[in-house]
Amino acid sequence: MNIRDSVVATIAVAVSTLAMAGVVGSGAYAQAAGAEARGVHALSTVMAHTLCTESVTLAAVSPEVAR
């Protein structure tokens, strides 16, 4: 039983590693991460303008994310 558990765990790690490599390699991960970054930037900009009446610049977010 102990050897079987080790074999199943090893196979599970190998399959999950291949699945993650497939997702990252397909570009879907980069597209989702970019969309999330743009959403966070938009939300933080709205919150900054809501909370501060002065002109606000978000230094923590790079200009590439704003695109």
Foldseek 3Di string as FASTA:
>chain_A
DVVVVVVVVVVVVVVVVVVVCVCVVVCVVVVVVLVVLCVVVVVVVVVCVVVDVDDDDDPVRDPVSVD
